[in-house]
C-alpha atoms as a PDB file:
ATOM      1  CA  MET A   1      -0.149  -0.106  -0.111  1.00  0.00           C
ATOM      2  CA  ILE A   2       2.629   2.655   1.231  1.00  0.00           C
ATOM      3  CA  GLU A   3       4.330   1.875  -2.088  1.00  0.00           C
ATOM      4  CA  LYS A   4       1.378   2.264  -4.642  1.00  0.00           C
ATOM      5  CA  TYR A   5       0.055   5.351  -2.320  1.00  0.00           C
ATOM      6  CA  ALA A   6       2.925   7.012  -0.691  1.00  0.00           C
ATOM      7  CA  ASP A   7       6.232   6.480  -1.936  1.00  0.00           C
ATOM      8  CA  ARG A   8       6.643   9.944  -2.914  1.00  0.00           C
ATOM      9  CA  LYS A   9       6.171  11.461   0.801  1.00  0.00           C
ATOM     10  CA  LEU A  10       9.102   8.441   1.842  1.00  0.00           C
ATOM     11  CA  ALA A  11      11.627   9.858  -0.012  1.00  0.00           C
ATOM     12  CA  PRO A  12      14.665   9.576   0.771  1.00  0.00           C
ATOM     13  CA  TYR A  13      14.227   5.908   2.014  1.00  0.00           C
ATOM     14  CA  SER A  14      11.992   3.170  -0.182  1.00  0.00           C
ATOM     15  CA  PRO A  15       8.776   1.449   0.644  1.00  0.00           C
ATOM     16  CA  GLU A  16      10.642  -1.252   2.162  1.00  0.00           C
ATOM     17  CA  GLU A  17      11.792   1.123   4.680  1.00  0.00           C
ATOM     18  CA  TRP A  18       8.541   1.651   6.128  1.00  0.00           C
ATOM     19  CA  HIS A  19       8.714  -0.179   9.399  1.00  0.00           C
ATOM     20  CA  TRP A  20      11.866   1.550  10.605  1.00  0.00           C
ATOM     21  CA  VAL A  21      10.795   5.450   9.724  1.00  0.00           C
ATOM     22  CA  VAL A  22       7.418   4.735  11.779  1.00  0.00           C
ATOM     23  CA  LYS A  23       9.738   3.362  14.425  1.00  0.00           C
ATOM     24  CA  GLU A  24      12.043   5.967  14.261  1.00  0.00           C
ATOM     25  CA  GLY A  25      10.148   8.594  13.626  1.00  0.00           C
ATOM     26  CA  VAL A  26       8.262   7.954  16.437  1.00  0.00           C
ATOM     27  CA  LYS A  27      11.296   7.537  18.489  1.00  0.00           C
ATOM     28  CA  THR A  28      12.372  10.963  17.712  1.00  0.00           C
ATOM     29  CA  LEU A  29       9.273  12.322  18.552  1.00  0.00           C
ATOM     30  CA  ASN A  30       8.784  11.460  22.449  1.00  0.00           C
ATOM     31  CA  GLU A  31      12.317  12.340  22.172  1.00  0.00           C
ATOM     32  CA  HIS A  32      11.210  16.556  22.265  1.00  0.00           C
ATOM     33  CA  TYR A  33       8.351  16.030  23.807  1.00  0.00           C
ATOM     34  CA  TRP A  34       5.819  14.170  21.036  1.00  0.00           C
ATOM     35  CA  VAL A  35       3.103  12.087  20.856  1.00  0.00           C
ATOM     36  CA  PRO A  36       2.429  11.046  16.744  1.00  0.00           C
ATOM     37  CA  ALA A  37      -1.336  10.415  16.952  1.00  0.00           C
ATOM     38  CA  PHE A  38      -1.291   8.020  13.657  1.00  0.00           C
ATOM     39  CA  THR A  39      -4.486   7.742  11.280  1.00  0.00           C
ATOM     40  CA  LEU A  40      -4.732   4.648   9.101  1.00  0.00           C
ATOM     41  CA  ILE A  41      -7.051   4.849   6.332  1.00  0.00           C
ATOM     42  CA  MET A  42      -9.008   1.313   6.262  1.00  0.00           C
ATOM     43  CA  GLY A  43     -10.455   0.151   2.597  1.00  0.00           C
ATOM     44  CA  LEU A  44      -8.295   2.494   0.227  1.00  0.00           C
ATOM     45  CA  ASP A  45      -9.752   3.236  -2.117  1.00  0.00           C
ATOM     46  CA  ASN A  46     -11.312  -0.813  -2.705  1.00  0.00           C
ATOM     47  CA  ASP A  47      -7.795  -2.362  -2.168  1.00  0.00           C
ATOM     48  CA  GLU A  48      -6.716  -3.334   0.287  1.00  0.00           C
ATOM     49  CA  THR A  49      -5.617  -6.792   1.274  1.00  0.00           C
ATOM     50  CA  PRO A  50      -6.128  -9.164   4.808  1.00  0.00           C
ATOM     51  CA  GLU A  51      -2.424  -8.385   4.171  1.00  0.00           C
ATOM     52  CA  ASP A  52      -2.195  -4.923   4.429  1.00  0.00           C
ATOM     53  CA  ALA A  53      -3.640  -5.035   7.243  1.00  0.00           C
ATOM     54  CA  TRP A  54      -1.700  -7.380   8.930  1.00  0.00           C
ATOM     55  CA  GLU A  55       1.492  -5.630   7.980  1.00  0.00           C
ATOM     56  CA  THR A  56      -0.223  -2.061  10.032  1.00  0.00           C
ATOM     57  CA  ILE A  57      -1.480  -5.063  13.383  1.00  0.00           C
ATOM     58  CA  ARG A  58       1.972  -6.678  12.762  1.00  0.00           C
ATOM     59  CA  ILE A  59       3.887  -2.510  13.257  1.00  0.00           C
ATOM     60  CA  LEU A  60       2.080  -1.241  16.081  1.00  0.00           C
ATOM     61  CA  SER A  61       2.985  -4.631  17.944  1.00  0.00           C
ATOM     62  CA  GLU A  62       6.854  -4.092  17.035  1.00  0.00           C
ATOM     63  CA  LEU A  63       6.881  -0.311  18.769  1.00  0.00           C
ATOM     64  CA  GLU A  64       4.735  -1.226  22.074  1.00  0.00           C
ATOM     65  CA  ARG A  65       7.270  -4.401  22.176  1.00  0.00           C
ATOM     66  CA  GLU A  66      10.140  -2.683  21.199  1.00  0.00           C
ATOM     67  CA  GLN A  67       9.218   0.662  22.722  1.00  0.00           C
ATOM     68  CA  PRO A  68       7.022  -0.321  25.674  1.00  0.00           C
ATOM     69  CA  ASP A  69       8.023   3.484  26.962  1.00  0.00           C
ATOM     70  CA  SER A  70       6.214   5.118  24.110  1.00  0.00           C
ATOM     71  CA  MET A  71       3.773   7.008  23.321  1.00  0.00           C
ATOM     72  CA  PHE A  72       1.473   7.515  20.108  1.00  0.00           C
ATOM     73  CA  THR A  73      -2.622   7.335  18.971  1.00  0.00           C
ATOM     74  CA  ALA A  74      -3.835   5.226  15.622  1.00  0.00           C
ATOM     75  CA  THR A  75      -7.326   6.054  14.719  1.00  0.00           C
ATOM     76  CA  PRO A  76      -7.963   3.643  12.075  1.00  0.00           C
ATOM     77  CA  LEU A  77     -10.820   5.934   9.774  1.00  0.00           C
ATOM     78  CA  THR A  78     -12.803   4.532   6.446  1.00  0.00           C
ATOM     79  CA  PHE A  79     -11.167   5.698   3.243  1.00  0.00           C
ATOM     80  CA  VAL A  80     -13.568   9.017   2.052  1.00  0.00           C
ATOM     81  CA  PRO A  81     -12.802   9.944  -2.190  1.00  0.00           C
ATOM     82  CA  ILE A  82     -11.512  12.692  -2.474  1.00  0.00           C
ATOM     83  CA  GLY A  83      -8.657  14.690  -4.938  1.00  0.00           C
ATOM     84  CA  LEU A  84      -6.788  11.950  -6.643  1.00  0.00           C
ATOM     85  CA  LEU A  85      -8.908   9.205  -5.927  1.00  0.00           C
ATOM     86  CA  GLU A  86     -12.532  11.289  -6.485  1.00  0.00           C
ATOM     87  CA  LYS A  87     -13.284   8.566  -9.047  1.00  0.00           C
ATOM     88  CA  SER A  88     -13.244   6.242  -6.056  1.00  0.00           C
ATOM     89  CA  GLU A  89     -15.816   4.793  -4.262  1.00  0.00           C
ATOM     90  CA  PHE A  90     -16.190   5.470  -0.256  1.00  0.00           C
ATOM     91  CA  PHE A  91     -14.703   2.230   1.922  1.00  0.00           C
ATOM     92  CA  ASP A  92     -18.231   0.446   4.015  1.00  0.00           C
ATOM     93  CA  ILE A  93     -17.280   0.092   6.820  1.00  0.00           C
ATOM     94  CA  GLY A  94     -20.512  -1.684   8.533  1.00  0.00           C
ATOM     95  CA  ASN A  95     -21.030  -4.194   4.855  1.00  0.00           C
ATOM     96  CA  GLU A  96     -16.826  -4.566   3.776  1.00  0.00           C
ATOM     97  CA  MET A  97     -15.472  -4.926   6.410  1.00  0.00           C
ATOM     98  CA  ASP A  98     -13.506  -7.968   5.897  1.00  0.00           C
ATOM     99  CA  PRO A  99     -11.494 -10.012   9.214  1.00  0.00           C
ATOM    100  CA  ALA A 100      -8.096  -8.349   9.466  1.00  0.00           C
ATOM    101  CA  GLN A 101      -9.671  -5.121   9.086  1.00  0.00           C
ATOM    102  CA  LEU A 102     -11.849  -5.771  12.243  1.00  0.00           C
ATOM    103  CA  GLY A 103      -8.668  -6.707  13.685  1.00  0.00           C
ATOM    104  CA  VAL A 104      -6.984  -2.970  12.803  1.00  0.00           C
ATOM    105  CA  MET A 105      -9.544  -2.144  14.856  1.00  0.00           C
ATOM    106  CA  TYR A 106      -9.372  -4.430  17.300  1.00  0.00           C
ATOM    107  CA  LYS A 107      -5.842  -3.497  17.602  1.00  0.00           C
ATOM    108  CA  THR A 108      -5.452   0.522  17.635  1.00  0.00           C
ATOM    109  CA  TRP A 109      -8.289   0.500  20.484  1.00  0.00           C
ATOM    110  CA  GLN A 110      -6.456  -2.372  22.919  1.00  0.00           C
ATOM    111  CA  HIS A 111      -3.475   0.188  22.015  1.00  0.00           C
ATOM    112  CA  ASN A 112      -5.638   3.925  22.654  1.00  0.00           C
ATOM    113  CA  PHE A 113      -6.821   1.411  25.680  1.00  0.00           C
ATOM    114  CA  LYS A 114      -3.145  -0.438  26.710  1.00  0.00           C
ATOM    115  CA  TYR A 115      -0.699   2.716  25.919  1.00  0.00           C
ATOM    116  CA  GLY A 116      -3.708   5.242  26.346  1.00  0.00           C
ATOM    117  CA  ILE A 117      -5.364   5.851  28.633  1.00  0.00           C
ATOM    118  CA  GLN A 118      -4.138   3.813  30.659  1.00  0.00           C
ATOM    119  CA  LYS A 119      -1.045   5.699  31.188  1.00  0.00           C
ATOM    120  CA  PHE A 120      -2.668   8.557  31.294  1.00  0.00           C
ATOM    121  CA  MET A 121      -5.102   7.924  33.741  1.00  0.00           C
ATOM    122  CA  ASN A 122      -2.387   6.413  37.002  1.00  0.00           C
ATOM    123  CA  LYS A 123      -0.911   9.918  35.928  1.00  0.00           C
ATOM    124  CA  THR A 124      -4.875  12.192  36.852  1.00  0.00           C
ATOM    125  CA  GLY A 125      -4.384  13.060  39.984  1.00  0.00           C
ATOM    126  CA  GLN A 126      -1.396  11.797  41.168  1.00  0.00           C
ATOM    127  CA  ASN A 127      -0.539  13.604  44.268  1.00  0.00           C
ATOM    128  CA  ASN A 128      -4.876  12.571  45.361  1.00  0.00           C
ATOM    129  CA  SER A 129      -4.967   8.306  45.500  1.00  0.00           C
ATOM    130  CA  VAL A 130      -9.595   9.209  45.988  1.00  0.00           C
ATOM    131  CA  THR A 131      -9.083  11.313  42.438  1.00  0.00           C
ATOM    132  CA  LYS A 132      -5.864   8.591  41.055  1.00  0.00           C
ATOM    133  CA  ASN A 133      -8.707   5.614  41.535  1.00  0.00           C
ATOM    134  CA  PHE A 134     -11.520   7.066  40.144  1.00  0.00           C
ATOM    135  CA  PHE A 135     -10.205   7.386  36.661  1.00  0.00           C
ATOM    136  CA  ASN A 136      -8.831   4.421  36.382  1.00  0.00           C
ATOM    137  CA  MET A 137     -12.445   3.191  37.798  1.00  0.00           C
ATOM    138  CA  MET A 138     -13.297   5.183  34.959  1.00  0.00           C
ATOM    139  CA  ALA A 139     -10.997   4.374  31.864  1.00  0.00           C
ATOM    140  CA  ARG A 140     -10.797   0.542  32.909  1.00  0.00           C
ATOM    141  CA  THR A 141     -14.696   0.199  31.928  1.00  0.00           C
ATOM    142  CA  LEU A 142     -15.401   2.948  29.062  1.00  0.00           C
ATOM    143  CA  GLY A 143     -12.063   1.830  27.877  1.00  0.00           C
ATOM    144  CA  GLY A 144     -13.089  -1.893  27.293  1.00  0.00           C
ATOM    145  CA  VAL A 145     -16.643  -0.694  26.372  1.00  0.00           C
ATOM    146  CA  PRO A 146     -15.803  -0.456  21.826  1.00  0.00           C
ATOM    147  CA  LEU A 147     -12.998  -3.727  22.629  1.00  0.00           C
ATOM    148  CA  SER A 148     -16.020  -5.827  24.533  1.00  0.00           C
ATOM    149  CA  ALA A 149     -18.485  -4.448  21.394  1.00  0.00           C
ATOM    150  CA  MET A 150     -16.199  -5.657  18.205  1.00  0.00           C
ATOM    151  CA  GLU A 151     -15.911  -9.180  20.153  1.00  0.00           C
ATOM    152  CA  LYS A 152     -19.304  -9.337  19.959  1.00  0.00           C
ATOM    153  CA  PHE A 153     -19.525  -7.732  16.283  1.00  0.00           C
ATOM    154  CA  ALA A 154     -17.178 -10.880  15.553  1.00  0.00           C
ATOM    155  CA  ARG A 155     -18.913 -13.695  17.203  1.00  0.00           C
ATOM    156  CA  ARG A 156     -21.881 -12.382  14.878  1.00  0.00           C
ATOM    157  CA  LYS A 157     -19.868 -12.025  12.057  1.00  0.00           C
ATOM    158  CA  GLY A 158     -19.137 -16.122  12.035  1.00  0.00           C
ATOM    159  CA  ARG A 159     -15.973 -17.577  13.314  1.00  0.00           C
ATOM    160  CA  GLU A 160     -13.594 -16.145  10.576  1.00  0.00           C
ATOM    161  CA  HIS A 161     -14.384 -12.711  12.463  1.00  0.00           C
ATOM    162  CA  GLU A 162     -13.482 -13.874  15.505  1.00  0.00           C
ATOM    163  CA  ARG A 163     -10.727 -15.947  15.242  1.00  0.00           C
ATOM    164  CA  VAL A 164      -8.889 -12.875  14.164  1.00  0.00           C
ATOM    165  CA  ILE A 165      -9.806 -11.540  17.413  1.00  0.00           C
ATOM    166  CA  GLU A 166      -8.268 -14.208  19.387  1.00  0.00           C
ATOM    167  CA  THR A 167      -5.370 -14.157  16.759  1.00  0.00           C
ATOM    168  CA  ILE A 168      -4.323 -10.626  17.907  1.00  0.00           C
ATOM    169  CA  LYS A 169      -5.057 -11.327  21.751  1.00  0.00           C
ATOM    170  CA  ALA A 170      -2.933 -14.400  21.533  1.00  0.00           C
ATOM    171  CA  LYS A 171      -0.153 -13.117  19.276  1.00  0.00           C
ATOM    172  CA  TYR A 172      -0.130  -9.247  19.882  1.00  0.00           C
ATOM    173  CA  TRP A 173      -1.258  -7.961  23.021  1.00  0.00           C
END
């Protein structure tokens, strides 16, 4: 996908160096107190493959594992045909999302919950244990709602969707 849609954005690097560019970018930005906010376009020109989705899941997992103190958010967005791709079709997430794309959504929410919401909430109210406990309880309660909803959606869609969630929990959590 990078080679097809964003090769010039990587200059002077090649698409094969994409993981390295992302990892070094996060590291450098965090060292200077910046928190990258990644947006991941799902259903890009209806050309995305399951392998593309798994590649996204892998890079998020690698960042978490290799840079456990790194800070970044990842937000999946649906493809909207504008600019050079305006003649393309909208991505209908409710009807067109395949199991791997559900996996991307699940992994991003899991990351944002585990590495974003919980880290932030642990720092909130540091000088007041009641406030800290309250915010931690809220984070645990509310942060898990989207994950539970996606698990329920996977069960409704079928075994293939459920397997993706199980794989993420076992291998990329």
